[in-house]
N, C-alpha and C. Protein backbone atom coordinates (compact mmCIF):
# COMPACT_ATOMS: atom_id res chain seq x y z
N UNK A 1 -0.82 14.46 16.09
CA UNK A 1 -0.73 12.86 15.73
C UNK A 1 -0.21 12.84 14.16
N UNK A 2 -0.77 13.72 13.43
CA UNK A 2 -0.50 13.53 12.07
C UNK A 2 1.08 13.69 11.67
N UNK A 3 1.56 14.63 12.32
CA UNK A 3 2.90 14.78 12.18
C UNK A 3 3.71 13.59 12.37
N UNK A 4 3.49 13.13 13.56
CA UNK A 4 4.26 11.85 13.98
C UNK A 4 3.80 10.69 13.24
N UNK A 5 2.38 10.54 12.49
CA UNK A 5 2.25 9.32 11.61
C UNK A 5 2.94 9.34 10.39
N UNK A 6 3.06 10.97 9.76
CA UNK A 6 3.66 10.97 8.73
C UNK A 6 4.95 10.78 8.41
N UNK A 7 5.65 11.40 9.61
CA UNK A 7 7.26 10.95 9.88
C UNK A 7 7.52 9.74 9.72
N UNK A 8 7.00 8.72 10.79
CA UNK A 8 7.33 7.39 10.58
C UNK A 8 6.81 6.66 9.43
N UNK A 9 5.72 6.98 8.77
CA UNK A 9 5.45 6.79 7.53
C UNK A 9 6.57 6.84 6.32
N UNK A 10 6.66 7.97 6.38
CA UNK A 10 7.92 8.77 5.27
C UNK A 10 9.36 7.71 5.74
N UNK A 11 9.32 7.82 6.97
CA UNK A 11 10.66 7.02 7.41
C UNK A 11 10.45 5.51 7.01
N UNK A 12 9.58 5.12 6.59
CA UNK A 12 9.38 3.56 6.41
C UNK A 12 9.39 3.58 4.36
N UNK A 13 8.56 4.51 3.98
CA UNK A 13 8.59 4.26 2.54
C UNK A 13 8.58 5.69 1.94
N UNK A 14 8.83 5.69 0.63
CA UNK A 14 9.44 6.86 -0.30
C UNK A 14 8.22 7.80 0.02
N UNK A 15 8.28 8.98 -0.74
CA UNK A 15 7.27 10.16 -0.69
C UNK A 15 5.90 9.55 -1.73
N UNK A 16 6.02 8.62 -2.35
CA UNK A 16 4.84 8.37 -2.70
C UNK A 16 3.75 7.71 -1.94
N UNK A 17 4.30 6.87 -1.09
CA UNK A 17 3.23 6.74 0.31
C UNK A 17 2.41 7.85 0.69
N UNK A 18 3.58 8.91 1.18
CA UNK A 18 2.48 9.81 1.60
C UNK A 18 1.64 10.65 0.68
N UNK A 19 1.99 10.69 -0.66
CA UNK A 19 1.26 10.98 -1.63
C UNK A 19 -0.11 10.27 -1.44
N UNK A 20 -0.08 8.92 -1.33
CA UNK A 20 -1.50 8.27 -1.31
C UNK A 20 -2.01 8.26 0.09
N UNK A 21 -1.14 8.48 0.94
CA UNK A 21 -2.04 8.88 2.45
C UNK A 21 -2.57 10.35 2.14
N UNK A 22 -2.05 11.14 1.47
CA UNK A 22 -2.91 12.60 1.72
C UNK A 22 -3.89 12.05 0.57
N UNK A 23 -3.84 11.58 -0.27
CA UNK A 23 -5.01 11.46 -1.14
C UNK A 23 -6.27 10.33 -0.45
N UNK A 24 -5.95 9.57 0.34
CA UNK A 24 -6.94 8.57 1.19
C UNK A 24 -8.08 9.39 1.49
N UNK A 25 -7.71 10.39 2.68
CA UNK A 25 -8.76 11.09 3.18
C UNK A 25 -10.06 11.57 2.21
N UNK A 26 -9.35 12.13 1.11
CA UNK A 26 -10.27 12.79 -0.04
C UNK A 26 -11.31 11.58 -0.85
N UNK A 27 -10.82 10.30 -1.03
CA UNK A 27 -11.47 9.24 -1.32
C UNK A 27 -12.49 8.80 -0.45
N UNK A 28 -12.10 8.95 0.82
CA UNK A 28 -12.99 8.33 1.88
C UNK A 28 -14.10 9.36 2.04
N UNK A 29 -13.81 10.78 1.68
CA UNK A 29 -14.80 11.67 1.72
C UNK A 29 -15.82 11.61 0.47
N UNK A 30 -15.50 11.32 -0.50
CA UNK A 30 -16.08 11.13 -1.98
C UNK A 30 -17.13 9.82 -1.59
N UNK A 31 -16.57 8.81 -1.10
CA UNK A 31 -17.28 7.72 -0.94
C UNK A 31 -18.51 7.89 -0.01
N UNK A 32 -18.33 8.65 1.16
CA UNK A 32 -19.24 8.90 2.03
C UNK A 32 -20.13 10.00 1.66
N UNK A 33 -19.98 10.92 0.78
CA UNK A 33 -20.66 11.58 0.02
C UNK A 33 -21.85 11.18 -0.82
N UNK A 34 -21.01 9.96 -1.52
CA UNK A 34 -22.03 9.18 -2.37
C UNK A 34 -22.90 8.33 -1.60
N UNK A 35 -22.38 7.36 -0.46
CA UNK A 35 -23.28 6.64 0.09
C UNK A 35 -23.09 6.81 1.74
N UNK A 36 -24.00 7.85 2.16
CA UNK A 36 -23.77 8.58 3.17
C UNK A 36 -24.65 7.52 4.43
């Protein structure tokens, strides 16, 4: 699933969006750790 999602996202926008997409899960984890 991730591969197809990344492909569609990269096709829609430049690599900058993929960088944000890669960071997103990390930010969510940090928020979950702070407020479980």
